[in-house]
Protein backbone atom coordinates (compact mmCIF):
# COMPACT_ATOMS: atom_id res chain seq x y z
CA UNK A 1 69.37 82.05 104.94
CA UNK A 2 69.84 85.72 104.08
CA UNK A 3 72.57 88.13 105.11
CA UNK A 4 71.47 91.37 106.73
CA UNK A 5 73.49 94.42 107.72
CA UNK A 6 71.87 96.43 110.52
CA UNK A 7 73.23 99.89 111.30
CA UNK A 8 72.27 101.77 114.46
CA UNK A 9 72.99 105.47 114.91
CA UNK A 10 74.09 107.33 118.02
CA UNK A 11 70.61 108.12 119.34
CA UNK A 12 69.63 104.45 119.04
CA UNK A 13 72.54 103.36 121.27
CA UNK A 14 72.77 106.44 123.49
CA UNK A 15 72.41 104.56 126.80
CA UNK A 16 72.93 101.02 128.04
CA UNK A 17 69.14 100.70 128.19
CA UNK A 18 68.88 101.61 124.52
CA UNK A 19 71.71 99.20 123.73
CA UNK A 20 69.67 96.48 125.47
CA UNK A 21 66.67 97.31 123.25
CA UNK A 22 68.87 97.17 120.15
CA UNK A 23 70.19 93.79 121.28
CA UNK A 24 66.64 92.45 121.59
CA UNK A 25 65.87 93.63 118.06
CA UNK A 26 68.99 91.92 116.73
CA UNK A 27 68.04 88.77 118.63
CA UNK A 28 64.61 88.73 116.96
CA UNK A 29 66.22 88.97 113.52
CA UNK A 30 68.69 86.22 114.40
CA UNK A 31 65.82 83.97 115.47
CA UNK A 32 64.48 84.25 111.91
CA UNK A 33 67.63 82.49 110.72
CA UNK A 34 69.50 85.44 109.22
CA UNK A 35 73.26 85.98 109.20
CA UNK A 36 73.68 89.38 110.82
CA UNK A 37 76.35 92.06 110.81
CA UNK A 38 75.67 95.11 112.97
CA UNK A 39 77.36 98.49 112.49
CA UNK A 40 77.20 100.99 115.34
CA UNK A 41 77.90 104.66 115.89
CA UNK A 42 79.23 106.25 119.07
CA UNK A 43 76.76 106.55 121.94
CA UNK A 44 74.61 109.69 121.88
CA UNK A 45 76.78 112.81 121.99
CA UNK A 46 79.99 110.90 122.68
CA UNK A 47 81.72 112.19 119.55
CA UNK A 48 80.87 115.80 120.43
CA UNK A 49 82.18 115.26 123.94
CA UNK A 50 85.47 113.91 122.59
CA UNK A 51 85.78 116.91 120.26
CA UNK A 52 85.15 119.24 123.20
CA UNK A 53 87.88 117.54 125.22
CA UNK A 54 90.37 118.12 122.40
CA UNK A 55 89.26 121.74 122.04
CA UNK A 56 89.95 122.33 125.73
CA UNK A 57 93.60 121.71 124.90
CA UNK A 58 93.85 123.52 121.55
CA UNK A 59 91.57 125.01 118.92
CA UNK A 60 93.60 123.32 116.19
CA UNK A 61 94.32 119.71 117.20
CA UNK A 62 96.23 117.37 114.90
CA UNK A 63 93.92 115.66 112.42
CA UNK A 64 95.76 112.38 112.92
CA UNK A 65 95.30 112.48 116.68
CA UNK A 66 91.66 113.50 116.30
CA UNK A 67 91.11 110.31 114.30
CA UNK A 68 92.77 108.31 117.05
CA UNK A 69 90.55 110.02 119.62
CA UNK A 70 87.21 109.94 117.78
CA UNK A 71 87.54 106.31 116.69
CA UNK A 72 87.28 105.27 120.34
CA UNK A 73 83.62 106.35 120.51
CA UNK A 74 82.36 103.60 118.22
CA UNK A 75 84.61 101.04 119.91
CA UNK A 76 82.86 101.64 123.23
CA UNK A 77 79.47 101.00 121.61
CA UNK A 78 80.53 97.86 119.74
CA UNK A 79 81.98 96.25 122.86
CA UNK A 80 78.96 97.08 125.03
CA UNK A 81 76.56 95.71 122.41
CA UNK A 82 78.60 92.52 122.02
CA UNK A 83 78.58 92.09 125.82
CA UNK A 84 74.80 92.59 125.85
CA UNK A 85 74.22 90.08 123.05
CA UNK A 86 76.42 87.49 124.73
CA UNK A 87 74.43 88.03 127.93
CA UNK A 88 71.28 87.18 125.95
CA UNK A 89 72.86 83.92 124.85
CA UNK A 90 73.93 84.91 121.34
CA UNK A 91 77.47 84.35 120.13
CA UNK A 92 78.61 87.89 119.31
CA UNK A 93 82.02 89.34 118.52
CA UNK A 94 83.05 92.98 118.03
CA UNK A 95 85.49 94.30 115.43
CA UNK A 96 87.14 97.66 114.90
CA UNK A 97 87.07 99.11 111.40
CA UNK A 98 90.52 97.82 110.58
CA UNK A 99 89.74 94.35 111.96
CA UNK A 100 86.70 94.32 109.69
CA UNK A 101 89.00 94.96 106.71
CA UNK A 102 87.93 98.52 105.83
CA UNK A 103 90.79 100.30 104.02
CA UNK A 104 90.68 104.04 103.25
CA UNK A 105 92.75 106.73 101.62
CA UNK A 106 95.14 108.81 103.74
CA UNK A 107 92.86 111.81 104.41
CA UNK A 108 92.39 112.18 108.15
CA UNK A 109 88.94 113.17 109.50
CA UNK A 110 87.23 112.72 106.12
CA UNK A 111 88.67 109.54 104.59
CA UNK A 112 87.09 107.73 101.66
CA UNK A 113 86.68 103.96 101.53
CA UNK A 114 89.01 102.36 98.98
CA UNK A 115 88.23 98.70 99.62
CA UNK A 116 86.77 96.35 102.18
CA UNK A 117 88.00 92.80 102.53
CA UNK A 118 84.99 90.96 103.90
CA UNK A 119 86.76 87.63 104.50
CA UNK A 120 87.14 88.05 108.26
CA UNK A 121 83.47 88.99 108.66
CA UNK A 122 82.38 86.10 106.41
CA UNK A 123 84.47 83.61 108.39
CA UNK A 124 82.86 84.75 111.63
CA UNK A 125 79.38 84.51 110.08
CA UNK A 126 80.19 80.96 109.03
CA UNK A 127 80.80 80.28 112.73
CA UNK A 128 77.23 81.47 113.36
CA UNK A 129 78.39 84.60 115.16
CA UNK A 130 76.71 87.98 115.19
CA UNK A 131 79.41 90.39 114.05
CA UNK A 132 79.42 93.91 115.55
CA UNK A 133 81.55 96.43 113.63
CA UNK A 134 82.58 99.90 114.74
CA UNK A 135 81.33 102.35 112.12
CA UNK A 136 82.96 105.58 110.96
CA UNK A 137 86.51 104.22 110.96
CA UNK A 138 89.06 102.30 108.96
CA UNK A 139 92.76 102.04 108.33
CA UNK A 140 94.75 103.74 105.58
CA UNK A 141 97.13 102.03 103.19
CA UNK A 142 99.96 103.41 105.33
CA UNK A 143 98.57 101.79 108.47
CA UNK A 144 97.00 104.88 110.08
CA UNK A 145 93.64 104.87 111.86
CA UNK A 146 91.23 107.10 109.86
CA UNK A 147 87.66 108.29 110.23
CA UNK A 148 85.08 108.79 107.49
CA UNK A 149 83.56 112.11 108.57
CA UNK A 150 80.19 112.78 110.16
CA UNK A 151 77.66 110.10 109.25
CA UNK A 152 80.42 107.76 108.13
CA UNK A 153 78.89 104.77 109.91
CA UNK A 154 76.27 104.67 107.14
CA UNK A 155 79.08 104.27 104.63
CA UNK A 156 80.67 101.53 106.73
CA UNK A 157 77.37 99.62 106.74
CA UNK A 158 76.85 99.78 102.98
CA UNK A 159 80.50 98.96 102.26
CA UNK A 160 80.16 95.83 104.42
CA UNK A 161 76.89 94.93 102.67
CA UNK A 162 78.72 95.10 99.34
CA UNK A 163 81.71 93.08 100.60
CA UNK A 164 79.66 90.20 102.03
CA UNK A 165 76.97 90.37 99.30
CA UNK A 166 74.22 91.10 101.82
CA UNK A 167 70.59 90.85 100.78
CA UNK A 168 69.69 94.18 102.36
CA UNK A 169 71.21 96.97 104.46
CA UNK A 170 68.91 98.40 107.12
CA UNK A 171 69.71 101.85 108.54
CA UNK A 172 67.97 102.28 111.91
CA UNK A 173 67.38 105.85 113.06
CA UNK A 174 65.18 107.84 115.45
CA UNK A 175 62.66 108.52 112.65
CA UNK A 176 60.37 106.08 110.85
CA UNK A 177 61.89 106.53 107.40
CA UNK A 178 62.66 109.24 104.86
CA UNK A 179 60.18 112.11 104.99
CA UNK A 180 59.25 114.74 102.41
CA UNK A 181 61.15 117.15 104.69
CA UNK A 182 62.40 117.28 108.25
CA UNK A 183 59.24 116.74 110.33
CA UNK A 184 60.76 118.63 113.26
CA UNK A 185 60.60 121.86 111.30
CA UNK A 186 58.19 121.38 108.42
CA UNK A 187 54.47 121.09 109.12
CA UNK A 188 52.78 117.87 107.98
CA UNK A 189 55.89 116.32 106.44
CA UNK A 190 55.08 112.70 105.58
CA UNK A 191 56.99 109.47 105.23
CA UNK A 192 57.78 108.22 101.75
CA UNK A 193 57.35 104.50 101.12
CA UNK A 194 59.96 104.43 98.34
CA UNK A 195 62.63 106.73 96.99
CA UNK A 196 65.08 106.50 94.11
CA UNK A 197 68.80 106.35 94.85
CA UNK A 198 69.37 109.54 92.87
CA UNK A 199 66.69 111.43 94.80
CA UNK A 200 68.10 110.30 98.13
CA UNK A 201 71.61 111.15 97.00
CA UNK A 202 70.54 114.70 96.20
CA UNK A 203 68.64 115.03 99.48
CA UNK A 204 71.61 113.70 101.45
CA UNK A 205 74.02 116.10 99.74
CA UNK A 206 71.63 119.00 100.27
CA UNK A 207 71.31 118.76 104.03
CA UNK A 208 68.89 115.93 104.80
CA UNK A 209 70.61 114.22 107.73
CA UNK A 210 69.02 110.79 107.31
CA UNK A 211 71.82 109.18 105.32
CA UNK A 212 75.44 109.93 104.49
CA UNK A 213 75.79 110.74 100.76
CA UNK A 214 78.65 108.29 100.27
CA UNK A 215 76.51 105.50 101.68
CA UNK A 216 73.79 106.22 99.14
CA UNK A 217 76.40 106.38 96.38
CA UNK A 218 77.76 102.95 97.39
CA UNK A 219 74.26 101.47 97.46
CA UNK A 220 73.46 102.93 94.04
CA UNK A 221 76.70 101.77 92.43
CA UNK A 222 76.37 98.20 93.71
CA UNK A 223 72.55 97.98 93.65
CA UNK A 224 72.35 97.16 97.36
CA UNK A 225 68.76 97.48 98.63
CA UNK A 226 68.85 100.16 101.33
CA UNK A 227 66.09 100.61 103.88
CA UNK A 228 65.68 103.40 106.44
CA UNK A 229 63.76 102.20 109.51
CA UNK A 230 62.89 103.27 113.04
CA UNK A 231 64.85 101.89 115.97
CA UNK A 232 61.76 102.12 118.13
CA UNK A 233 58.78 101.28 115.90
CA UNK A 234 58.29 98.04 113.97
CA UNK A 235 57.60 99.29 110.45
CA UNK A 236 58.93 98.83 106.94
CA UNK A 237 60.40 102.34 106.73
CA UNK A 238 61.50 103.69 103.35
CA UNK A 239 63.06 101.53 100.64
CA UNK A 240 65.69 103.03 98.34
CA UNK A 241 66.02 101.51 94.88
CA UNK A 242 66.82 102.33 91.26
CA UNK A 243 63.33 103.32 90.11
CA UNK A 244 60.04 103.90 91.89
CA UNK A 245 56.54 104.84 90.82
CA UNK A 246 56.01 108.59 91.05
CA UNK A 247 53.78 108.74 94.12
CA UNK A 248 50.52 110.57 93.42
CA UNK A 249 52.21 112.11 90.37
CA UNK A 250 54.44 114.20 92.62
CA UNK A 251 57.00 116.11 90.58
CA UNK A 252 58.85 117.27 93.71
CA UNK A 253 59.30 114.57 96.35
CA UNK A 254 61.35 116.32 98.99
CA UNK A 255 62.50 119.64 100.42
CA UNK A 256 65.94 119.77 102.05
CA UNK A 257 67.67 122.60 103.84
CA UNK A 258 71.06 123.32 105.36
CA UNK A 259 72.18 126.17 107.61
CA UNK A 260 75.56 127.86 108.06
CA UNK A 261 76.34 128.42 104.40
CA UNK A 262 78.95 131.02 103.42
CA UNK A 263 79.20 132.84 100.09
CA UNK A 264 82.83 133.52 99.18
CA UNK A 265 83.52 136.05 96.41
CA UNK A 266 86.81 136.60 94.61
CA UNK A 267 87.32 139.65 92.40
CA UNK A 268 89.91 140.42 89.72
CA UNK A 269 91.15 143.65 88.20
CA UNK A 270 91.28 141.91 84.83
CA UNK A 271 90.16 138.47 83.62
CA UNK A 272 92.76 135.84 84.43
CA UNK A 273 93.04 132.86 82.10
CA UNK A 274 92.56 129.59 83.87
CA UNK A 275 91.47 131.28 87.10
CA UNK A 276 88.46 129.06 87.71
CA UNK A 277 90.43 125.85 87.29
CA UNK A 278 93.26 127.18 89.44
CA UNK A 279 90.97 128.29 92.26
CA UNK A 280 88.95 125.13 92.53
CA UNK A 281 91.90 122.80 92.00
CA UNK A 282 93.69 124.56 94.85
CA UNK A 283 90.66 124.28 97.12
CA UNK A 284 90.12 120.63 96.17
CA UNK A 285 93.75 119.79 96.89
CA UNK A 286 93.14 121.12 100.40
CA UNK A 287 89.95 119.02 100.76
CA UNK A 288 87.60 122.02 100.81
CA UNK A 289 84.24 121.19 99.25
CA UNK A 290 82.65 123.87 97.09
CA UNK A 291 79.00 123.82 96.14
CA UNK A 292 77.26 126.53 94.08
CA UNK A 293 79.51 128.49 91.70
CA UNK A 294 78.58 131.72 89.93
CA UNK A 295 80.96 133.61 87.61
CA UNK A 296 80.32 137.21 86.57
CA UNK A 297 82.09 138.84 83.62
CA UNK A 298 80.40 142.08 82.55
CA UNK A 299 81.87 145.00 80.62
CA UNK A 300 82.70 147.86 82.94
CA UNK A 301 82.49 145.71 86.07
CA UNK A 302 85.37 143.92 87.76
CA UNK A 303 85.18 140.18 86.95
CA UNK A 304 84.27 138.01 89.93
CA UNK A 305 83.47 134.46 90.92
CA UNK A 306 81.30 133.53 93.90
CA UNK A 307 80.89 130.11 95.44
CA UNK A 308 79.30 128.60 98.52
CA UNK A 309 81.02 126.55 101.20
CA UNK A 310 80.10 125.34 104.66
CA UNK A 311 80.86 127.70 107.52
CA UNK A 312 83.17 125.14 109.14
CA UNK A 313 85.45 125.36 106.09
CA UNK A 314 85.62 129.18 105.97
CA UNK A 315 88.79 129.78 108.00
CA UNK A 316 90.74 127.11 106.10
CA UNK A 317 89.43 128.34 102.73
CA UNK A 318 90.52 131.94 103.46
CA UNK A 319 93.95 130.73 104.57
CA UNK A 320 94.38 128.64 101.41
CA UNK A 321 93.28 131.48 99.12
CA UNK A 322 95.52 134.05 100.80
CA UNK A 323 98.47 131.66 100.72
CA UNK A 324 98.04 131.19 96.95
CA UNK A 325 96.80 134.71 96.16
CA UNK A 326 99.68 135.63 93.86
CA UNK A 327 99.50 132.35 91.93
CA UNK A 328 95.72 132.53 91.59
CA UNK A 329 95.90 136.12 90.40
CA UNK A 330 92.91 137.58 92.22
CA UNK A 331 92.77 141.04 93.76
CA UNK A 332 90.20 140.83 96.51
CA UNK A 333 88.31 138.18 98.49
CA UNK A 334 85.19 138.75 100.58
CA UNK A 335 82.62 136.52 102.26
CA UNK A 336 79.05 136.67 103.47
CA UNK A 337 77.83 134.58 106.41
CA UNK A 338 74.34 134.09 107.83
CA UNK A 339 73.10 132.18 104.80
CA UNK A 340 71.30 128.88 104.24
CA UNK A 341 70.50 126.58 101.34
CA UNK A 342 67.00 125.31 100.58
CA UNK A 343 66.41 122.76 97.82
CA UNK A 344 63.60 120.89 96.10
CA UNK A 345 64.26 117.39 94.74
CA UNK A 346 62.30 115.06 92.50
CA UNK A 347 63.01 112.79 89.53
CA UNK A 348 59.75 114.00 87.96
CA UNK A 349 61.35 117.41 87.39
CA UNK A 350 63.17 116.03 84.36
CA UNK A 351 59.99 115.91 82.29
CA UNK A 352 58.11 118.81 83.89
CA UNK A 353 59.35 122.27 82.82
CA UNK A 354 58.52 125.30 84.94
CA UNK A 355 59.28 123.82 88.36
CA UNK A 356 62.09 126.29 89.05
CA UNK A 357 59.88 129.20 88.00
CA UNK A 358 57.17 127.97 90.37
CA UNK A 359 59.73 127.77 93.18
CA UNK A 360 61.06 131.29 92.56
CA UNK A 361 57.55 132.70 92.32
CA UNK A 362 56.57 131.24 95.70
CA UNK A 363 59.73 132.60 97.32
CA UNK A 364 58.95 136.02 95.82
CA UNK A 365 55.45 135.91 97.30
CA UNK A 366 57.00 135.09 100.68
CA UNK A 367 59.42 138.06 100.31
CA UNK A 368 62.44 135.75 100.55
CA UNK A 369 65.45 137.02 98.57
CA UNK A 370 67.45 134.54 96.48
CA UNK A 371 71.21 135.13 96.48
CA UNK A 372 72.49 132.13 94.49
CA UNK A 373 70.91 129.36 92.42
CA UNK A 374 72.05 125.88 91.41
CA UNK A 375 70.16 123.30 89.34
CA UNK A 376 70.46 119.74 88.10
CA UNK A 377 68.03 117.46 86.31
CA UNK A 378 66.30 116.55 89.55
CA UNK A 379 66.92 119.45 91.95
CA UNK A 380 66.88 123.22 92.33
CA UNK A 381 68.81 124.84 95.19
CA UNK A 382 68.76 128.44 96.37
CA UNK A 383 70.95 130.28 98.85
CA UNK A 384 68.89 132.62 101.02
CA UNK A 385 69.23 134.43 104.36
CA UNK A 386 69.41 131.90 107.18
CA UNK A 387 66.53 133.57 109.02
CA UNK A 388 64.29 132.63 106.06
CA UNK A 389 65.36 128.97 105.90
CA UNK A 390 62.50 127.33 107.83
CA UNK A 391 59.78 129.64 106.42
CA UNK A 392 61.08 128.91 102.90
CA UNK A 393 61.12 125.15 103.50
CA UNK A 394 57.53 125.22 104.78
CA UNK A 395 56.36 127.43 101.91
CA UNK A 396 57.92 125.17 99.26
CA UNK A 397 56.63 122.04 100.98
CA UNK A 398 53.15 123.56 100.72
CA UNK A 399 53.66 124.86 97.17
CA UNK A 400 54.45 121.40 95.79
CA UNK A 401 51.67 119.66 97.71
CA UNK A 402 53.86 117.41 99.83
CA UNK A 403 51.90 117.57 103.08
CA UNK A 404 50.04 114.74 104.78
CA UNK A 405 46.58 114.43 103.26
CA UNK A 406 43.93 115.18 105.88
C-alpha cells in the first residue's frame, strides 16, 4: 500500500459541486488501496474576498490579524470536503495546519516551514482515515497562527509528503501539467512530460504560477516525486525529478514571465564602502525580496545601484530605505514602474553557449528594449516594458522552437 498526498488548488474546489468532483477522485484513489492525505486551498477567490474585507476597514491591517483572517479560507474547504467524503461512505477527518503539526518561523503573511511532525497524520492513516489538511497555514514556535504566502498550500503538501514518507505528491490544478509557457497567453505552448527540479524551481521563481518555489525546493531537497496533474482530465501530467532526457534536444524548455516589476535605483555622491551589503541586509531584515541587481561605478558619473522588486513591495521598500538613508549613505532614490520580467529556462543552456545572444538578438528584431539582465547556469532573465511582456514571451517561445509540432 502506497502513501499519496493529493493537493487541490482554489479553482479545483471553488464550488460545492467541484468539491463533490474532487471527493469522487479521492474515492477512486482510495479504492486502489492507497493511504491518502489531501491538502486543500481556499475556495475560488475566497482569499481575495477576505483581503478585500480587511481593506474596507484599513489599507494597512495588522499582519498577525491578516493571518488569523486568511487561515479561515482553507478551513472552510477542508471541512466541506471531509463532510462530502463522509457522505460518500469514506472515513475522513479534517485538520488545520497546526493540528497537522506544521511549525513555521514567526514571519506573518510569508512564514517559512521549520518542521512538520507527521505523527498525528500517520496515526490517523493507520486508522484507515482519509486525512484532509488545510494548506497555506501553520503555527509558529511562539504559538501564533501563520500563513505561508500565496501558493503556500503547495509547500504544505510537499512538507507533509516528506514527513509521512509519501511515495508521491500530486498537485492538481486547472491545467494538464507544466507547459513550455502559459498557454493562455503564448500561442501553441505545449505540455512537458518531464521536467527537472532545477528547471521547475527557476520557472516557479520567475513567474510561472503552477507551483510555489518553496514546494519545489522541498521536493528537490528530499527527492520527493512531484507530479502536476489536471483536476478535470485523467492524465499523467508532468513529472518533476532530478534528471530528465533533454526532449527533442531542446536547449530552452520554458519561457516564464511576470508583470508589475519595479526598478529601484539608489545613487551616491561618492562610493560608500559596504553600501551593497548594508542596503540588501536592511531590505532582507524587513523581508523585502530583491531580484536583479546592477551596480554602476564609472569615472565622472555618480555611482549607483539598481535592483528589481515586485510592485507590491515598493511602498515598504521606499519607507525602509528612507528610514535608514543616513546609515546607508545614499543621496538619492528613484524608481521606475510599468516593467515586466521575461525569462528563458533550460538545463541544456549549461553546455550550449550563445543562448543569451540569441535571446537578445530576437528581442532586438522585435524592437523590445532590455533594461536589466540576470543570468544563471540554466536561465536568462530580462526586464522590459510591461507592454512588451506578452509579445516578448511569444517571440522567444517561437525563437527556441518550443511550440506544438503541427
